[in-house]
Protein backbone atom coordinates (compact mmCIF):
# COMPACT_ATOMS: atom_id res chain seq x y z
CA UNK A 1 178.60 59.54 114.85
CA UNK A 2 178.15 61.80 117.89
CA UNK A 3 181.08 62.15 120.30
CA UNK A 4 178.64 62.11 123.20
CA UNK A 5 175.15 63.11 124.22
CA UNK A 6 174.43 66.29 126.14
CA UNK A 7 171.49 65.71 128.47
CA UNK A 8 169.65 68.87 129.50
CA UNK A 9 166.90 68.88 132.17
CA UNK A 10 163.83 70.20 130.38
CA UNK A 11 160.10 70.71 130.57
CA UNK A 12 158.00 69.60 127.60
CA UNK A 13 155.00 71.88 127.12
CA UNK A 14 152.18 70.82 124.81
CA UNK A 15 150.54 73.53 122.71
CA UNK A 16 147.77 71.80 120.80
CA UNK A 17 149.53 69.19 118.67
CA UNK A 18 152.92 70.87 119.04
CA UNK A 19 155.65 70.57 121.66
CA UNK A 20 158.10 73.15 122.97
CA UNK A 21 160.92 72.51 125.41
CA UNK A 22 161.99 74.87 128.19
CA UNK A 23 165.50 74.32 129.54
CA UNK A 24 168.72 75.95 130.70
CA UNK A 25 172.15 75.55 129.12
CA UNK A 26 175.59 77.03 129.58
CA UNK A 27 175.80 79.67 126.86
CA UNK A 28 179.50 78.85 126.44
CA UNK A 29 178.47 75.40 125.19
CA UNK A 30 175.87 76.55 122.67
CA UNK A 31 178.36 76.53 119.78
CA UNK A 32 178.96 72.80 120.38
CA UNK A 33 175.53 71.92 119.00
CA UNK A 34 173.87 75.14 117.74
CA UNK A 35 174.73 77.49 114.89
CA UNK A 36 173.49 80.81 113.59
CA UNK A 37 172.11 80.00 110.15
CA UNK A 38 172.95 83.06 108.03
CA UNK A 39 170.97 83.59 104.86
CA UNK A 40 172.73 82.66 101.61
CA UNK A 41 172.16 80.79 98.35
CA UNK A 42 173.93 77.61 97.32
CA UNK A 43 175.45 76.79 93.92
CA UNK A 44 172.00 75.84 92.59
CA UNK A 45 170.48 79.14 93.79
CA UNK A 46 168.50 77.48 96.60
CA UNK A 47 167.98 79.52 99.75
CA UNK A 48 170.00 78.36 102.75
CA UNK A 49 169.66 79.73 106.27
CA UNK A 50 167.52 82.56 107.52
CA UNK A 51 169.40 84.79 109.96
CA UNK A 52 170.55 88.35 109.48
CA UNK A 53 174.30 89.05 109.80
CA UNK A 54 175.61 89.67 113.30
CA UNK A 55 175.67 93.30 114.42
CA UNK A 56 179.17 93.82 115.79
CA UNK A 57 178.51 96.94 117.89
CA UNK A 58 175.51 95.39 119.60
CA UNK A 59 177.45 92.21 120.34
CA UNK A 60 180.33 94.16 121.88
CA UNK A 61 177.90 96.10 124.09
CA UNK A 62 176.35 92.86 125.39
CA UNK A 63 179.83 91.38 125.84
CA UNK A 64 180.93 94.31 128.01
CA UNK A 65 177.81 93.92 130.12
CA UNK A 66 178.42 90.19 130.56
CA UNK A 67 181.93 90.93 131.76
CA UNK A 68 180.62 93.41 134.37
CA UNK A 69 179.58 92.55 137.92
CA UNK A 70 176.37 90.48 138.34
CA UNK A 71 175.05 90.47 134.74
CA UNK A 72 171.68 88.94 133.94
CA UNK A 73 170.01 87.97 130.64
CA UNK A 74 166.45 87.02 131.64
CA UNK A 75 165.02 86.62 128.13
CA UNK A 76 165.11 83.09 126.75
CA UNK A 77 166.96 82.19 123.58
CA UNK A 78 164.88 80.38 120.96
CA UNK A 79 166.45 77.32 119.32
CA UNK A 80 165.19 75.13 116.51
CA UNK A 81 166.22 71.47 116.62
CA UNK A 82 166.21 68.89 113.89
CA UNK A 83 165.10 65.28 114.35
CA UNK A 84 168.43 64.20 115.87
CA UNK A 85 167.38 65.85 119.13
CA UNK A 86 164.89 63.94 121.27
CA UNK A 87 163.02 64.39 124.54
CA UNK A 88 162.95 61.63 127.16
CA UNK A 89 160.23 62.04 129.83
CA UNK A 90 161.37 61.19 133.35
CA UNK A 91 158.22 61.57 135.41
CA UNK A 92 154.49 61.87 134.79
CA UNK A 93 153.00 65.34 135.11
CA UNK A 94 151.45 66.23 138.44
CA UNK A 95 148.42 68.49 138.58
CA UNK A 96 148.43 69.46 134.89
CA UNK A 97 148.22 67.49 131.65
CA UNK A 98 150.09 69.88 129.36
CA UNK A 99 153.65 69.62 130.70
CA UNK A 100 156.06 66.81 131.42
CA UNK A 101 159.52 66.96 132.98
CA UNK A 102 162.38 65.08 131.39
CA UNK A 103 165.61 65.54 129.47
CA UNK A 104 166.49 66.87 126.07
CA UNK A 105 169.11 64.62 124.52
CA UNK A 106 171.36 66.54 122.14
CA UNK A 107 174.12 64.85 120.09
CA UNK A 108 177.52 66.56 120.24
CA UNK A 109 179.95 66.06 117.37
CA UNK A 110 182.74 68.63 117.30
CA UNK A 111 183.76 67.63 113.77
CA UNK A 112 180.52 68.97 112.26
CA UNK A 113 180.43 72.23 110.29
CA UNK A 114 177.89 74.82 111.44
CA UNK A 115 175.39 73.92 108.73
CA UNK A 116 175.42 70.30 109.94
CA UNK A 117 174.76 70.92 113.63
CA UNK A 118 171.44 69.74 115.10
CA UNK A 119 170.28 73.15 116.36
CA UNK A 120 169.93 76.71 115.06
CA UNK A 121 169.53 79.97 116.96
CA UNK A 122 166.19 81.42 115.84
CA UNK A 123 166.18 84.31 118.31
CA UNK A 124 169.15 85.44 120.41
CA UNK A 125 171.84 85.47 117.74
CA UNK A 126 173.68 88.46 119.21
CA UNK A 127 173.32 87.36 122.81
CA UNK A 128 174.75 83.94 122.00
CA UNK A 129 177.63 85.55 120.08
CA UNK A 130 178.37 87.89 122.99
CA UNK A 131 178.45 84.99 125.46
CA UNK A 132 180.79 83.10 123.14
CA UNK A 133 183.21 86.05 122.97
CA UNK A 134 182.95 87.23 126.59
CA UNK A 135 185.87 86.69 128.97
CA UNK A 136 183.86 84.51 131.36
CA UNK A 137 184.08 80.80 132.14
CA UNK A 138 180.35 80.05 131.91
CA UNK A 139 177.01 81.79 131.65
CA UNK A 140 173.83 79.70 131.95
CA UNK A 141 170.90 81.00 129.91
CA UNK A 142 167.23 80.13 129.67
CA UNK A 143 166.17 78.68 126.34
CA UNK A 144 163.06 77.48 124.54
CA UNK A 145 163.37 74.94 121.76
CA UNK A 146 161.18 73.21 119.20
CA UNK A 147 161.77 70.44 116.67
CA UNK A 148 160.96 71.33 113.04
CA UNK A 149 162.27 71.29 109.47
CA UNK A 150 164.05 74.35 108.06
CA UNK A 151 161.03 75.77 106.20
CA UNK A 152 159.06 75.90 109.46
CA UNK A 153 162.07 77.34 111.26
CA UNK A 154 161.99 80.25 108.80
CA UNK A 155 158.32 80.84 109.58
CA UNK A 156 159.06 80.88 113.30
CA UNK A 157 161.98 83.26 112.74
CA UNK A 158 159.68 85.71 110.92
CA UNK A 159 156.98 85.41 113.59
CA UNK A 160 159.42 85.76 116.50
CA UNK A 161 160.86 88.90 114.89
CA UNK A 162 157.51 90.31 113.70
CA UNK A 163 157.52 93.10 116.31
CA UNK A 164 161.24 93.88 115.90
CA UNK A 165 162.91 95.99 113.20
CA UNK A 166 163.73 92.98 111.04
CA UNK A 167 164.97 94.18 107.62
CA UNK A 168 162.18 93.92 105.06
CA UNK A 169 164.61 92.64 102.44
CA UNK A 170 165.44 89.67 104.66
CA UNK A 171 161.75 88.88 105.17
CA UNK A 172 161.07 89.14 101.42
CA UNK A 173 163.84 86.66 100.66
CA UNK A 174 162.70 84.22 103.35
CA UNK A 175 159.02 84.20 102.38
CA UNK A 176 159.25 81.91 99.30
CA UNK A 177 160.79 79.09 101.35
CA UNK A 178 158.60 79.49 104.42
CA UNK A 179 155.83 77.21 105.65
CA UNK A 180 153.32 77.87 108.40
CA UNK A 181 150.78 80.56 109.21
CA UNK A 182 152.08 84.08 108.61
CA UNK A 183 150.71 87.55 109.41
CA UNK A 184 148.28 88.64 106.63
CA UNK A 185 150.64 91.30 105.23
CA UNK A 186 153.40 88.70 104.82
CA UNK A 187 151.04 86.03 103.49
CA UNK A 188 149.86 88.43 100.75
CA UNK A 189 153.48 88.98 99.70
CA UNK A 190 154.52 85.35 99.71
CA UNK A 191 153.61 84.61 96.08
CA UNK A 192 155.08 87.93 94.84
CA UNK A 193 158.24 87.05 96.75
CA UNK A 194 158.37 83.63 95.06
CA UNK A 195 158.15 85.32 91.66
CA UNK A 196 160.72 87.97 92.56
CA UNK A 197 163.18 85.31 93.71
CA UNK A 198 162.69 83.33 90.51
CA UNK A 199 163.09 86.48 88.39
CA UNK A 200 166.34 87.31 90.15
CA UNK A 201 167.63 83.79 89.53
CA UNK A 202 166.61 83.41 85.86
CA UNK A 203 169.90 83.27 83.98
CA UNK A 204 169.92 85.75 81.07
CA UNK A 205 166.49 86.99 82.16
CA UNK A 206 165.99 90.76 82.37
CA UNK A 207 166.15 90.79 86.18
CA UNK A 208 168.97 88.27 86.62
CA UNK A 209 170.87 89.39 89.73
CA UNK A 210 169.56 92.93 89.17
CA UNK A 211 167.22 92.95 92.19
CA UNK A 212 168.89 93.98 95.45
CA UNK A 213 168.36 91.29 98.13
CA UNK A 214 170.45 89.95 101.05
CA UNK A 215 171.80 87.20 98.77
CA UNK A 216 172.14 89.51 95.75
CA UNK A 217 173.79 92.59 97.30
CA UNK A 218 175.07 93.88 93.94
CA UNK A 219 171.55 94.24 92.57
CA UNK A 220 170.47 97.81 91.81
CA UNK A 221 166.67 97.56 91.50
CA UNK A 222 164.83 97.82 94.82
CA UNK A 223 163.09 94.60 95.82
CA UNK A 224 160.09 96.49 97.17
CA UNK A 225 159.50 98.13 93.77
CA UNK A 226 159.40 94.70 92.11
CA UNK A 227 157.12 93.30 94.79
CA UNK A 228 154.64 96.19 94.41
CA UNK A 229 154.60 95.75 90.63
CA UNK A 230 154.01 91.98 90.89
CA UNK A 231 151.45 92.27 93.68
CA UNK A 232 149.27 94.71 91.75
CA UNK A 233 149.44 92.55 88.62
CA UNK A 234 148.52 89.42 90.60
CA UNK A 235 145.42 90.95 92.12
CA UNK A 236 144.28 93.40 89.45
CA UNK A 237 146.35 92.98 86.30
CA UNK A 238 147.86 90.68 83.73
CA UNK A 239 149.03 87.98 86.16
CA UNK A 240 145.54 87.54 87.61
CA UNK A 241 144.67 85.13 84.79
CA UNK A 242 147.16 82.59 86.17
CA UNK A 243 145.87 82.81 89.75
CA UNK A 244 143.23 80.86 91.64
CA UNK A 245 141.38 83.58 93.58
CA UNK A 246 139.90 80.96 95.93
CA UNK A 247 143.18 79.90 97.54
CA UNK A 248 145.66 82.42 96.14
CA UNK A 249 147.74 79.75 94.41
CA UNK A 250 148.83 80.13 90.82
CA UNK A 251 150.79 78.83 87.88
CA UNK A 252 154.16 80.22 88.88
CA UNK A 253 155.93 79.06 85.71
CA UNK A 254 153.43 80.87 83.45
CA UNK A 255 153.59 83.97 85.59
CA UNK A 256 157.37 83.90 85.41
CA UNK A 257 157.27 83.44 81.63
CA UNK A 258 154.84 86.36 81.29
CA UNK A 259 157.03 88.66 83.40
CA UNK A 260 160.32 87.67 81.77
CA UNK A 261 158.85 88.04 78.28
CA UNK A 262 157.45 91.52 78.88
CA UNK A 263 160.37 92.90 80.85
CA UNK A 264 162.83 91.34 78.40
CA UNK A 265 161.23 93.45 75.69
CA UNK A 266 161.47 96.52 77.93
CA UNK A 267 165.17 95.84 78.55
CA UNK A 268 165.81 95.42 74.82
CA UNK A 269 163.89 98.61 73.97
CA UNK A 270 165.82 100.72 76.49
CA UNK A 271 169.17 98.94 77.02
CA UNK A 272 171.09 101.97 78.29
CA UNK A 273 168.40 103.01 80.75
CA UNK A 274 167.97 99.42 81.92
CA UNK A 275 171.67 99.05 82.73
CA UNK A 276 171.77 102.13 84.98
CA UNK A 277 171.00 102.29 88.72
CA UNK A 278 167.93 104.24 89.88
CA UNK A 279 169.82 107.47 90.57
CA UNK A 280 170.81 107.57 86.88
CA UNK A 281 167.68 106.05 85.33
CA UNK A 282 164.00 106.43 86.12
CA UNK A 283 163.33 103.15 84.32
CA UNK A 284 165.01 101.12 87.09
CA UNK A 285 163.74 103.53 89.76
CA UNK A 286 160.67 102.56 91.76
CA UNK A 287 158.53 105.07 89.85
CA UNK A 288 159.53 103.52 86.50
CA UNK A 289 159.21 99.90 87.57
CA UNK A 290 155.70 100.47 88.90
CA UNK A 291 154.57 102.61 85.96
CA UNK A 292 155.90 100.15 83.40
CA UNK A 293 154.23 97.41 85.41
CA UNK A 294 150.90 99.18 84.88
CA UNK A 295 151.72 99.34 81.16
CA UNK A 296 152.33 95.58 81.23
CA UNK A 297 148.87 95.10 82.71
CA UNK A 298 147.31 97.45 80.15
CA UNK A 299 148.96 95.86 77.11
CA UNK A 300 149.05 92.17 78.07
CA UNK A 301 145.99 91.50 80.21
CA UNK A 302 144.37 88.23 79.08
CA UNK A 303 147.25 87.53 76.67
CA UNK A 304 149.37 84.39 76.82
CA UNK A 305 153.16 84.82 76.93
CA UNK A 306 153.50 83.82 73.25
CA UNK A 307 151.27 86.72 72.22
CA UNK A 308 153.01 89.39 74.29
CA UNK A 309 155.62 90.39 71.71
CA UNK A 310 153.17 91.53 69.06
CA UNK A 311 151.13 93.51 71.59
CA UNK A 312 154.05 95.14 73.39
CA UNK A 313 156.63 96.04 70.74
CA UNK A 314 154.46 98.66 69.05
CA UNK A 315 153.62 100.25 72.40
CA UNK A 316 157.30 100.39 73.37
CA UNK A 317 158.14 102.11 70.08
CA UNK A 318 155.59 104.78 70.91
CA UNK A 319 157.01 105.21 74.40
CA UNK A 320 160.47 105.69 72.89
CA UNK A 321 159.24 108.87 71.17
CA UNK A 322 158.68 110.69 74.45
CA UNK A 323 160.69 108.76 77.04
CA UNK A 324 163.06 110.69 79.29
CA UNK A 325 164.44 107.84 81.41
CA UNK A 326 167.99 109.17 81.78
CA UNK A 327 167.83 112.79 80.71
CA UNK A 328 165.63 115.52 79.28
CA UNK A 329 162.04 116.31 80.16
CA UNK A 330 158.80 114.38 80.35
CA UNK A 331 155.93 116.21 78.65
CA UNK A 332 152.71 114.98 80.19
CA UNK A 333 150.30 117.17 78.22
CA UNK A 334 148.13 119.99 79.44
CA UNK A 335 151.23 122.13 79.86
CA UNK A 336 152.71 119.89 82.54
CA UNK A 337 156.38 118.97 82.11
CA UNK A 338 158.81 117.37 84.56
CA UNK A 339 162.58 117.06 84.49
CA UNK A 340 163.54 113.40 84.11
CA UNK A 341 165.02 112.99 87.60
CA UNK A 342 162.36 114.98 89.45
CA UNK A 343 159.98 112.01 89.38
CA UNK A 344 159.95 110.23 92.74
CA UNK A 345 158.61 106.91 93.99
CA UNK A 346 155.38 108.39 95.37
CA UNK A 347 151.78 107.46 94.50
CA UNK A 348 151.22 110.80 92.77
CA UNK A 349 154.33 110.55 90.60
CA UNK A 350 153.69 106.88 89.79
CA UNK A 351 150.20 107.88 88.66
CA UNK A 352 151.55 110.85 86.67
CA UNK A 353 154.16 108.75 84.86
CA UNK A 354 151.69 105.91 84.22
CA UNK A 355 149.20 108.30 82.63
CA UNK A 356 151.98 109.88 80.58
CA UNK A 357 153.12 106.47 79.32
CA UNK A 358 149.54 105.54 78.45
CA UNK A 359 149.26 108.74 76.36
CA UNK A 360 152.39 107.75 74.47
CA UNK A 361 151.18 104.18 73.94
CA UNK A 362 147.92 105.41 72.49
CA UNK A 363 149.35 108.11 70.22
CA UNK A 364 150.21 107.76 66.56
CA UNK A 365 153.72 106.64 65.70
CA UNK A 366 155.59 109.59 64.18
CA UNK A 367 158.20 107.58 62.26
């Protein structure tokens, strides 16, 4: 039950079938009904929130400015409301048919935890934090709000921050739980991001908690390396068979089974190299992940997950004969040899290692 209702003069603006609300509010009161929803995973590994952590130095700089003489923050904060917030029109529009004046009615309940409040800060996290901490009695700010569920809020957060240096890892983790139209580059990565998230959360799977993401900070395999490997396989490799090229959808469970089966065999074939971070192992390095991804496509294209073992194990035995994941030298034939840790995550080195692995796969077993 709300303690009371905060009524904010507002302008409802219609954009097609959608509504946004322009209003002003004392920034010191934002915390009463709005929270910064920081990204995390719950006990069932479901994504919660979508914001990046606060940047303390930036907040302190804004705070000092707010405490100076005649500060001004002209840019509007962006807030996402849930269905508990409503708009009440007060007067019909005059002269235009796309805006109506009225009041936003926001429930205030000071007993609620942050994740239960009716509003989230989509853009303006650090400004709102600086206002909260500043030694000032009030500071009215302009704001724009919209009413939506959390999946759409994530989409808006990505779009609002599309031209800012938003960490790619944060975007990659948000994409699987995001609805709405996204920029083409993000839309192409949405299904790979779904698969990466599921791989990272598959208990006892080869990638379980091994992929570094905002909610898996102890992971040691770069998320971008996994995404590149999956994306290539989806469009040109072994995972293509599970995809509908017309709409881009696919059988995620079969894709996940295919990936976990193959990479589980890789982990079991090279346990020491798999357990090491990229600086100590080229198997978990971007160059190794991508090259072994190409080997997955070569060995398992058009195979079902149940047939992968027979096709892959022999190839992995052949790779073992010449592998230099954690030490020694790769001999690529034609007189070309490279020290194990000289291989870098570049297109040329990925191509070089892939071709070297293919030579090993196709050679005769020597034992």
